[in-house]
Amino acid sequence: MSGWVAAGTGGCNLKCPETQTLVHGYVDGELDLIKSLEIEQHLQACPACAQAHASLQAVRAAVQNSSLYFQVPPGLARRVQSSPRRAGQRDRTPGLSPRRLLAVAASLALFTAGGWGLLRALSGRSADVFLTQELVASHVRSQMLASHRFDVASSDPHTVKPWFEGKLDFSPPVKDLVAESFPLIGGRLDYLHGRAVAALVYQRRKHTINLFIWPSSPGDEAAPKTATRQGFHILHWTRSGMTFWAVSDLNEGELQEFVRLIQG
């Protein structure tokens, strides 16, 4: 990142060289909340660092979206089946029959497939953990930084929903739940899971609920699942072609009630 400008920015304790050192940890979600907020303030004030940060985000998104699936090369099964016959022709040592060699080859193939399956499962769990960390961090930033809370402040779904038009490649569903004591108070654009997403902001007494929405994979339908990170409750579900993540410090029972209302 030699193109970064080594100049200070007003209203922020961080300078460009320190931001250059820490931004990789910031992108990977490895910094504490206070340091992350300082970097975010610096990025808002420094165009050069903001551009470098965007480049890092693009690289990270490309890596996250790469496939871990390795297709079996054409003809592998035929080669595995024929190898014992070739070995039997070269070596007639007792006890090393073609049938035994085939069993060994099958065991090795099964072990390799199991290893790749385990690797993909572990990678999936790691991605889920990282995503929940991103969600909680975005929720906390929205409470601490006024500039991160709303892009559009309104309790009217007919104001909030049209605001997203042209800013996203999908139209998020926006519900008015004021009669159920979960009033809509605004919305904003966010960046999660390697893409731009919609964040709808609801209120329950003094508790804020961030509802993050983006398109799901075709055919995905999943009932709400609950998680807790750093004292925040998270509910995740997929429905009607959309992925939903609700994050709040509201108690779990009321957050589940909110989710039922959104689904209904």
C-alpha atoms as a PDB file:
ATOM      1  CA  MET A   1       0.000   0.000   0.000  1.00  0.00           C
ATOM      2  CA  SER A   2       2.844   2.369  -0.846  1.00  0.00           C
ATOM      3  CA  GLY A   3       0.401   4.815  -2.441  1.00  0.00           C
ATOM      4  CA  TRP A   4      -1.131   5.873   0.871  1.00  0.00           C
ATOM      5  CA  VAL A   5      -0.744   9.504   1.903  1.00  0.00           C
ATOM      6  CA  ALA A   6       1.144  10.012   5.173  1.00  0.00           C
ATOM      7  CA  ALA A   7      -0.894  12.917   6.428  1.00  0.00           C
ATOM      8  CA  GLY A   8      -3.014  13.441   9.546  1.00  0.00           C
ATOM      9  CA  THR A   9      -6.761  13.978   9.484  1.00  0.00           C
ATOM     10  CA  GLY A  10      -8.730  16.329  11.663  1.00  0.00           C
ATOM     11  CA  GLY A  11     -10.953  14.971  14.416  1.00  0.00           C
ATOM     12  CA  CYS A  12      -9.154  11.603  14.588  1.00  0.00           C
ATOM     13  CA  ASN A  13      -6.189  10.411  16.631  1.00  0.00           C
ATOM     14  CA  LEU A  14      -4.927   8.054  13.928  1.00  0.00           C
ATOM     15  CA  LYS A  15      -2.474   9.104  11.203  1.00  0.00           C
ATOM     16  CA  CYS A  16      -2.196   7.489   7.802  1.00  0.00           C
ATOM     17  CA  PRO A  17       0.887   5.329   8.609  1.00  0.00           C
ATOM     18  CA  GLU A  18      -0.832   3.828  11.664  1.00  0.00           C
ATOM     19  CA  THR A  19      -4.019   3.270   9.676  1.00  0.00           C
ATOM     20  CA  GLN A  20      -1.944   1.565   6.967  1.00  0.00           C
ATOM     21  CA  THR A  21      -0.583  -0.827   9.601  1.00  0.00           C
ATOM     22  CA  LEU A  22      -3.943  -1.607  11.221  1.00  0.00           C
ATOM     23  CA  VAL A  23      -6.351  -1.639   8.292  1.00  0.00           C
ATOM     24  CA  HIS A  24      -5.658  -5.293   7.448  1.00  0.00           C
ATOM     25  CA  GLY A  25      -6.738  -6.285  10.953  1.00  0.00           C
ATOM     26  CA  TYR A  26      -9.737  -3.969  10.615  1.00  0.00           C
ATOM     27  CA  VAL A  27     -10.856  -5.624   7.372  1.00  0.00           C
ATOM     28  CA  ASP A  28     -10.418  -9.080   8.941  1.00  0.00           C
ATOM     29  CA  GLY A  29     -12.389  -8.122  12.079  1.00  0.00           C
ATOM     30  CA  GLU A  30      -9.408  -8.673  14.389  1.00  0.00           C
ATOM     31  CA  LEU A  31      -9.345  -5.275  16.149  1.00  0.00           C
ATOM     32  CA  ASP A  32     -11.179  -4.231  19.282  1.00  0.00           C
ATOM     33  CA  LEU A  33     -14.219  -1.985  18.970  1.00  0.00           C
ATOM     34  CA  ILE A  34     -12.500   1.279  19.990  1.00  0.00           C
ATOM     35  CA  LYS A  35      -9.652   0.887  17.506  1.00  0.00           C
ATOM     36  CA  SER A  36     -12.133  -0.114  14.773  1.00  0.00           C
ATOM     37  CA  LEU A  37     -14.123   3.079  15.393  1.00  0.00           C
ATOM     38  CA  GLU A  38     -10.951   5.192  15.212  1.00  0.00           C
ATOM     39  CA  ILE A  39     -10.040   3.634  11.877  1.00  0.00           C
ATOM     40  CA  GLU A  40     -13.570   4.164  10.571  1.00  0.00           C
ATOM     41  CA  GLN A  41     -13.422   7.858  11.535  1.00  0.00           C
ATOM     42  CA  HIS A  42     -10.065   8.181   9.759  1.00  0.00           C
ATOM     43  CA  LEU A  43     -11.438   6.513   6.613  1.00  0.00           C
ATOM     44  CA  GLN A  44     -14.341   8.966   6.546  1.00  0.00           C
ATOM     45  CA  ALA A  45     -11.916  11.902   6.568  1.00  0.00           C
ATOM     46  CA  CYS A  46      -9.091  10.559   4.360  1.00  0.00           C
ATOM     47  CA  PRO A  47      -9.964   9.752   0.706  1.00  0.00           C
ATOM     48  CA  ALA A  48      -6.607   8.039   0.028  1.00  0.00           C
ATOM     49  CA  CYS A  49      -6.953   5.626   2.945  1.00  0.00           C
ATOM     50  CA  ALA A  50     -10.615   5.066   2.120  1.00  0.00           C
ATOM     51  CA  GLN A  51      -9.685   4.055  -1.431  1.00  0.00           C
ATOM     52  CA  ALA A  52      -7.027   1.647  -0.163  1.00  0.00           C
ATOM     53  CA  HIS A  53      -9.538   0.183   2.282  1.00  0.00           C
ATOM     54  CA  ALA A  54     -12.052  -0.332  -0.538  1.00  0.00           C
ATOM     55  CA  SER A  55      -9.380  -2.192  -2.534  1.00  0.00           C
ATOM     56  CA  LEU A  56      -8.725  -4.501   0.399  1.00  0.00           C
ATOM     57  CA  GLN A  57     -12.470  -5.126   0.749  1.00  0.00           C
ATOM     58  CA  ALA A  58     -12.668  -6.051  -2.928  1.00  0.00           C
ATOM     59  CA  VAL A  59      -9.802  -8.556  -2.579  1.00  0.00           C
ATOM     60  CA  ARG A  60     -11.406 -10.051   0.535  1.00  0.00           C
ATOM     61  CA  ALA A  61     -14.780 -10.381  -1.199  1.00  0.00           C
ATOM     62  CA  ALA A  62     -13.157 -12.132  -4.167  1.00  0.00           C
ATOM     63  CA  VAL A  63     -11.426 -14.632  -1.861  1.00  0.00           C
ATOM     64  CA  GLN A  64     -14.627 -15.259   0.138  1.00  0.00           C
ATOM     65  CA  ASN A  65     -16.624 -15.903  -3.017  1.00  0.00           C
ATOM     66  CA  SER A  66     -14.121 -18.411  -4.421  1.00  0.00           C
ATOM     67  CA  SER A  67     -15.244 -22.028  -4.496  1.00  0.00           C
ATOM     68  CA  LEU A  68     -13.661 -24.675  -2.286  1.00  0.00           C
ATOM     69  CA  TYR A  69     -15.143 -27.459  -4.393  1.00  0.00           C
ATOM     70  CA  PHE A  70     -12.637 -29.600  -6.271  1.00  0.00           C
ATOM     71  CA  GLN A  71     -14.163 -31.698  -9.034  1.00  0.00           C
ATOM     72  CA  VAL A  72     -12.863 -35.233  -9.519  1.00  0.00           C
ATOM     73  CA  PRO A  73     -10.699 -35.266 -12.686  1.00  0.00           C
ATOM     74  CA  PRO A  74     -12.232 -37.122 -15.645  1.00  0.00           C
ATOM     75  CA  GLY A  75     -11.117 -40.741 -15.837  1.00  0.00           C
ATOM     76  CA  LEU A  76      -9.976 -41.014 -12.205  1.00  0.00           C
ATOM     77  CA  ALA A  77     -12.306 -43.934 -11.443  1.00  0.00           C
ATOM     78  CA  ARG A  78     -11.097 -45.807 -14.538  1.00  0.00           C
ATOM     79  CA  ARG A  79      -7.442 -45.237 -13.598  1.00  0.00           C
ATOM     80  CA  VAL A  80      -8.046 -46.410 -10.013  1.00  0.00           C
ATOM     81  CA  GLN A  81      -9.737 -49.582 -11.271  1.00  0.00           C
ATOM     82  CA  SER A  82      -7.040 -50.340 -13.819  1.00  0.00           C
ATOM     83  CA  SER A  83      -4.054 -49.665 -11.532  1.00  0.00           C
ATOM     84  CA  PRO A  84      -4.414 -52.957  -9.559  1.00  0.00           C
ATOM     85  CA  ARG A  85      -4.408 -54.922 -12.813  1.00  0.00           C
ATOM     86  CA  ARG A  86      -1.225 -53.190 -13.964  1.00  0.00           C
ATOM     87  CA  ALA A  87       0.384 -53.707 -10.585  1.00  0.00           C
ATOM     88  CA  GLY A  88      -0.612 -57.377 -10.606  1.00  0.00           C
ATOM     89  CA  GLN A  89       1.052 -57.858 -13.964  1.00  0.00           C
ATOM     90  CA  ARG A  90       4.303 -56.308 -12.734  1.00  0.00           C
ATOM     91  CA  ASP A  91       4.415 -57.857  -9.285  1.00  0.00           C
ATOM     92  CA  ARG A  92       3.153 -61.338  -8.493  1.00  0.00           C
ATOM     93  CA  THR A  93       4.200 -61.176  -4.838  1.00  0.00           C
ATOM     94  CA  PRO A  94       1.816 -63.325  -2.710  1.00  0.00           C
ATOM     95  CA  GLY A  95      -0.670 -61.326  -0.645  1.00  0.00           C
ATOM     96  CA  LEU A  96      -0.727 -58.331  -3.002  1.00  0.00           C
ATOM     97  CA  SER A  97      -3.767 -59.311  -5.017  1.00  0.00           C
ATOM     98  CA  PRO A  98      -5.615 -56.911  -7.349  1.00  0.00           C
ATOM     99  CA  ARG A  99      -8.643 -57.115  -5.085  1.00  0.00           C
ATOM    100  CA  ARG A 100      -6.567 -55.992  -2.114  1.00  0.00           C
ATOM    101  CA  LEU A 101      -4.995 -53.154  -4.085  1.00  0.00           C
ATOM    102  CA  LEU A 102      -8.446 -52.006  -5.183  1.00  0.00           C
ATOM    103  CA  ALA A 103      -9.589 -51.964  -1.551  1.00  0.00           C
ATOM    104  CA  VAL A 104      -6.569 -49.848  -0.585  1.00  0.00           C
ATOM    105  CA  ALA A 105      -7.220 -47.442  -3.463  1.00  0.00           C
ATOM    106  CA  ALA A 106     -10.879 -47.159  -2.482  1.00  0.00           C
ATOM    107  CA  SER A 107      -9.898 -46.447   1.138  1.00  0.00           C
ATOM    108  CA  LEU A 108      -7.507 -43.709   0.042  1.00  0.00           C
ATOM    109  CA  ALA A 109     -10.180 -42.159  -2.178  1.00  0.00           C
ATOM    110  CA  LEU A 110     -12.679 -42.248   0.686  1.00  0.00           C
ATOM    111  CA  PHE A 111     -10.158 -40.677   3.049  1.00  0.00           C
ATOM    112  CA  THR A 112      -9.394 -37.900   0.546  1.00  0.00           C
ATOM    113  CA  ALA A 113     -13.094 -37.176  -0.018  1.00  0.00           C
ATOM    114  CA  GLY A 114     -13.708 -37.118   3.736  1.00  0.00           C
ATOM    115  CA  GLY A 115     -10.806 -34.725   4.224  1.00  0.00           C
ATOM    116  CA  TRP A 116     -12.170 -32.299   1.659  1.00  0.00           C
ATOM    117  CA  GLY A 117     -15.635 -32.603   3.190  1.00  0.00           C
ATOM    118  CA  LEU A 118     -14.241 -31.763   6.634  1.00  0.00           C
ATOM    119  CA  LEU A 119     -12.288 -28.824   5.206  1.00  0.00           C
ATOM    120  CA  ARG A 120     -15.420 -27.428   3.538  1.00  0.00           C
ATOM    121  CA  ALA A 121     -17.465 -27.871   6.730  1.00  0.00           C
ATOM    122  CA  LEU A 122     -14.845 -26.098   8.849  1.00  0.00           C
ATOM    123  CA  SER A 123     -14.578 -23.303   6.277  1.00  0.00           C
ATOM    124  CA  GLY A 124     -18.372 -22.871   6.360  1.00  0.00           C
ATOM    125  CA  ARG A 125     -18.396 -22.605  10.158  1.00  0.00           C
ATOM    126  CA  SER A 126     -15.535 -20.090  10.089  1.00  0.00           C
ATOM    127  CA  ALA A 127     -17.441 -17.983   7.548  1.00  0.00           C
ATOM    128  CA  ASP A 128     -20.538 -18.019   9.781  1.00  0.00           C
ATOM    129  CA  VAL A 129     -18.519 -16.921  12.817  1.00  0.00           C
ATOM    130  CA  PHE A 130     -16.888 -14.113  10.852  1.00  0.00           C
ATOM    131  CA  LEU A 131     -20.264 -12.971   9.486  1.00  0.00           C
ATOM    132  CA  THR A 132     -21.840 -12.795  12.963  1.00  0.00           C
ATOM    133  CA  GLN A 133     -18.856 -10.726  14.107  1.00  0.00           C
ATOM    134  CA  GLU A 134     -19.436  -8.372  11.179  1.00  0.00           C
ATOM    135  CA  LEU A 135     -23.133  -8.099  12.030  1.00  0.00           C
ATOM    136  CA  VAL A 136     -22.518  -7.280  15.693  1.00  0.00           C
ATOM    137  CA  ALA A 137     -19.809  -4.752  14.783  1.00  0.00           C
ATOM    138  CA  SER A 138     -22.152  -2.981  12.364  1.00  0.00           C
ATOM    139  CA  HIS A 139     -24.930  -2.935  14.969  1.00  0.00           C
ATOM    140  CA  VAL A 140     -22.614  -1.451  17.622  1.00  0.00           C
ATOM    141  CA  ARG A 141     -21.220   1.164  15.212  1.00  0.00           C
ATOM    142  CA  SER A 142     -24.768   2.249  14.392  1.00  0.00           C
ATOM    143  CA  GLN A 143     -25.297   2.992  18.083  1.00  0.00           C
ATOM    144  CA  MET A 144     -21.995   4.791  18.621  1.00  0.00           C
ATOM    145  CA  LEU A 145     -21.661   6.773  15.383  1.00  0.00           C
ATOM    146  CA  ALA A 146     -24.563   8.984  14.356  1.00  0.00           C
ATOM    147  CA  SER A 147     -23.314   8.910  10.761  1.00  0.00           C
ATOM    148  CA  HIS A 148     -23.681   5.115  10.692  1.00  0.00           C
ATOM    149  CA  ARG A 149     -27.200   4.878  12.139  1.00  0.00           C
ATOM    150  CA  PHE A 150     -29.361   6.118   9.254  1.00  0.00           C
ATOM    151  CA  ASP A 151     -29.124   7.055   5.634  1.00  0.00           C
ATOM    152  CA  VAL A 152     -32.858   7.713   5.617  1.00  0.00           C
ATOM    153  CA  ALA A 153     -34.708   8.493   8.871  1.00  0.00           C
ATOM    154  CA  SER A 154     -38.426   7.782   8.611  1.00  0.00           C
ATOM    155  CA  SER A 155     -41.148   5.656  10.167  1.00  0.00           C
ATOM    156  CA  ASP A 156     -42.979   5.388   6.838  1.00  0.00           C
ATOM    157  CA  PRO A 157     -42.231   2.219   4.805  1.00  0.00           C
ATOM    158  CA  HIS A 158     -43.349   4.101   1.676  1.00  0.00           C
ATOM    159  CA  THR A 159     -40.438   6.477   2.270  1.00  0.00           C
ATOM    160  CA  VAL A 160     -37.813   3.959   3.355  1.00  0.00           C
ATOM    161  CA  LYS A 161     -38.401   1.273   0.714  1.00  0.00           C
ATOM    162  CA  PRO A 162     -38.205   3.594  -2.338  1.00  0.00           C
ATOM    163  CA  TRP A 163     -35.006   5.130  -0.934  1.00  0.00           C
ATOM    164  CA  PHE A 164     -33.149   1.868  -1.682  1.00  0.00           C
ATOM    165  CA  GLU A 165     -34.140   1.900  -5.365  1.00  0.00           C
ATOM    166  CA  GLY A 166     -31.081   2.263  -7.578  1.00  0.00           C
ATOM    167  CA  LYS A 167     -28.735   1.707  -4.624  1.00  0.00           C
ATOM    168  CA  LEU A 168     -29.176  -2.078  -4.377  1.00  0.00           C
ATOM    169  CA  ASP A 169     -29.707  -4.873  -6.903  1.00  0.00           C
ATOM    170  CA  PHE A 170     -32.812  -6.036  -5.004  1.00  0.00           C
ATOM    171  CA  SER A 171     -35.822  -4.518  -3.258  1.00  0.00           C
ATOM    172  CA  PRO A 172     -35.910  -5.247   0.497  1.00  0.00           C
ATOM    173  CA  PRO A 173     -39.306  -5.896   2.132  1.00  0.00           C
ATOM    174  CA  VAL A 174     -40.145  -3.081   4.586  1.00  0.00           C
ATOM    175  CA  LYS A 175     -42.902  -3.528   7.187  1.00  0.00           C
ATOM    176  CA  ASP A 176     -44.649  -1.019   9.434  1.00  0.00           C
ATOM    177  CA  LEU A 177     -44.866  -2.557  12.921  1.00  0.00           C
ATOM    178  CA  VAL A 178     -45.759   0.566  14.912  1.00  0.00           C
ATOM    179  CA  ALA A 179     -49.096  -0.967  15.976  1.00  0.00           C
ATOM    180  CA  GLU A 180     -47.168  -3.936  17.427  1.00  0.00           C
ATOM    181  CA  SER A 181     -44.794  -1.594  19.350  1.00  0.00           C
ATOM    182  CA  PHE A 182     -41.834  -2.227  17.018  1.00  0.00           C
ATOM    183  CA  PRO A 183     -41.809   1.062  15.087  1.00  0.00           C
ATOM    184  CA  LEU A 184     -39.620   1.472  12.022  1.00  0.00           C
ATOM    185  CA  ILE A 185     -37.257   4.444  12.490  1.00  0.00           C
ATOM    186  CA  GLY A 186     -35.103   4.375   9.363  1.00  0.00           C
ATOM    187  CA  GLY A 187     -32.768   2.501   7.062  1.00  0.00           C
ATOM    188  CA  ARG A 188     -29.275   2.587   5.597  1.00  0.00           C
ATOM    189  CA  LEU A 189     -26.905   0.858   3.214  1.00  0.00           C
ATOM    190  CA  ASP A 190     -24.321  -1.467   4.729  1.00  0.00           C
ATOM    191  CA  TYR A 191     -21.594  -3.773   3.451  1.00  0.00           C
ATOM    192  CA  LEU A 192     -21.601  -7.362   4.733  1.00  0.00           C
ATOM    193  CA  HIS A 193     -20.744 -10.810   3.437  1.00  0.00           C
ATOM    194  CA  GLY A 194     -18.881  -9.302   0.488  1.00  0.00           C
ATOM    195  CA  ARG A 195     -21.839  -7.291  -0.841  1.00  0.00           C
ATOM    196  CA  ALA A 196     -24.038  -4.231  -0.294  1.00  0.00           C
ATOM    197  CA  VAL A 197     -27.040  -4.994   1.932  1.00  0.00           C
ATOM    198  CA  ALA A 198     -30.093  -3.214   3.319  1.00  0.00           C
ATOM    199  CA  ALA A 199     -30.231  -2.426   7.043  1.00  0.00           C
ATOM    200  CA  LEU A 200     -33.673  -1.559   8.440  1.00  0.00           C
ATOM    201  CA  VAL A 201     -33.738  -0.013  11.906  1.00  0.00           C
ATOM    202  CA  TYR A 202     -36.572  -0.724  14.338  1.00  0.00           C
ATOM    203  CA  GLN A 203     -37.133   0.348  17.942  1.00  0.00           C
ATOM    204  CA  ARG A 204     -38.506  -1.445  21.015  1.00  0.00           C
ATOM    205  CA  ARG A 205     -38.630   0.962  23.977  1.00  0.00           C
ATOM    206  CA  LYS A 206     -34.950   2.029  24.281  1.00  0.00           C
ATOM    207  CA  HIS A 207     -33.621  -0.977  22.362  1.00  0.00           C
ATOM    208  CA  THR A 208     -32.597  -0.788  18.711  1.00  0.00           C
ATOM    209  CA  ILE A 209     -33.064  -3.691  16.307  1.00  0.00           C
ATOM    210  CA  ASN A 210     -30.999  -3.808  13.113  1.00  0.00           C
ATOM    211  CA  LEU A 211     -32.563  -6.022  10.451  1.00  0.00           C
ATOM    212  CA  PHE A 212     -30.039  -6.821   7.691  1.00  0.00           C
ATOM    213  CA  ILE A 213     -31.420  -8.137   4.385  1.00  0.00           C
ATOM    214  CA  TRP A 214     -29.886  -9.424   1.151  1.00  0.00           C
ATOM    215  CA  PRO A 215     -30.821 -12.056  -1.475  1.00  0.00           C
ATOM    216  CA  SER A 216     -30.385 -15.724  -0.575  1.00  0.00           C
ATOM    217  CA  SER A 217     -29.270 -18.568  -2.833  1.00  0.00           C
ATOM    218  CA  PRO A 218     -32.014 -20.074  -5.025  1.00  0.00           C
ATOM    219  CA  GLY A 219     -34.094 -22.617  -3.152  1.00  0.00           C
ATOM    220  CA  ASP A 220     -32.819 -21.626   0.300  1.00  0.00           C
ATOM    221  CA  GLU A 221     -35.526 -21.688   2.967  1.00  0.00           C
ATOM    222  CA  ALA A 222     -34.598 -21.928   6.644  1.00  0.00           C
ATOM    223  CA  ALA A 223     -36.454 -21.372   9.910  1.00  0.00           C
ATOM    224  CA  PRO A 224     -35.020 -18.814  12.358  1.00  0.00           C
ATOM    225  CA  LYS A 225     -31.838 -19.855  14.153  1.00  0.00           C
ATOM    226  CA  THR A 226     -30.622 -18.114  17.303  1.00  0.00           C
ATOM    227  CA  ALA A 227     -27.088 -17.140  18.312  1.00  0.00           C
ATOM    228  CA  THR A 228     -25.539 -14.875  20.936  1.00  0.00           C
ATOM    229  CA  ARG A 229     -22.361 -12.849  20.415  1.00  0.00           C
ATOM    230  CA  GLN A 230     -20.884 -10.404  22.937  1.00  0.00           C
ATOM    231  CA  GLY A 231     -24.220 -10.119  24.744  1.00  0.00           C
ATOM    232  CA  PHE A 232     -26.231  -9.420  21.566  1.00  0.00           C
ATOM    233  CA  HIS A 233     -28.951 -11.753  20.315  1.00  0.00           C
ATOM    234  CA  ILE A 234     -28.941 -12.705  16.629  1.00  0.00           C
ATOM    235  CA  LEU A 235     -31.739 -14.404  14.695  1.00  0.00           C
ATOM    236  CA  HIS A 236     -31.131 -15.601  11.141  1.00  0.00           C
ATOM    237  CA  TRP A 237     -33.573 -17.046   8.605  1.00  0.00           C
ATOM    238  CA  THR A 238     -34.158 -17.233   4.861  1.00  0.00           C
ATOM    239  CA  ARG A 239     -37.515 -16.799   3.192  1.00  0.00           C
ATOM    240  CA  SER A 240     -38.955 -15.800  -0.192  1.00  0.00           C
ATOM    241  CA  GLY A 241     -35.516 -15.447  -1.759  1.00  0.00           C
ATOM    242  CA  MET A 242     -34.110 -13.226   1.002  1.00  0.00           C
ATOM    243  CA  THR A 243     -31.644 -13.719   3.861  1.00  0.00           C
ATOM    244  CA  PHE A 244     -32.566 -11.952   7.109  1.00  0.00           C
ATOM    245  CA  TRP A 245     -30.372 -11.254  10.166  1.00  0.00           C
ATOM    246  CA  ALA A 246     -31.891  -9.466  13.187  1.00  0.00           C
ATOM    247  CA  VAL A 247     -29.406  -8.140  15.776  1.00  0.00           C
ATOM    248  CA  SER A 248     -30.258  -6.438  19.076  1.00  0.00           C
ATOM    249  CA  ASP A 249     -29.561  -6.274  22.810  1.00  0.00           C
ATOM    250  CA  LEU A 250     -33.315  -6.793  23.275  1.00  0.00           C
ATOM    251  CA  ASN A 251     -34.186  -9.934  25.255  1.00  0.00           C
ATOM    252  CA  GLU A 252     -34.430 -13.075  23.150  1.00  0.00           C
ATOM    253  CA  GLY A 253     -38.184 -13.585  23.662  1.00  0.00           C
ATOM    254  CA  GLU A 254     -39.129 -10.139  22.347  1.00  0.00           C
ATOM    255  CA  LEU A 255     -36.659 -10.419  19.485  1.00  0.00           C
ATOM    256  CA  GLN A 256     -38.309 -13.705  18.481  1.00  0.00           C
ATOM    257  CA  GLU A 257     -41.675 -11.937  18.610  1.00  0.00           C
ATOM    258  CA  PHE A 258     -40.274  -9.264  16.271  1.00  0.00           C
ATOM    259  CA  VAL A 259     -39.097 -11.967  13.864  1.00  0.00           C
ATOM    260  CA  ARG A 260     -42.548 -13.599  13.844  1.00  0.00           C
ATOM    261  CA  LEU A 261     -44.105 -10.246  12.992  1.00  0.00           C
ATOM    262  CA  ILE A 262     -41.629  -9.653  10.171  1.00  0.00           C
ATOM    263  CA  GLN A 263     -42.324 -13.134   8.792  1.00  0.00           C
ATOM    264  CA  GLY A 264     -46.077 -12.710   9.138  1.00  0.00           C
END
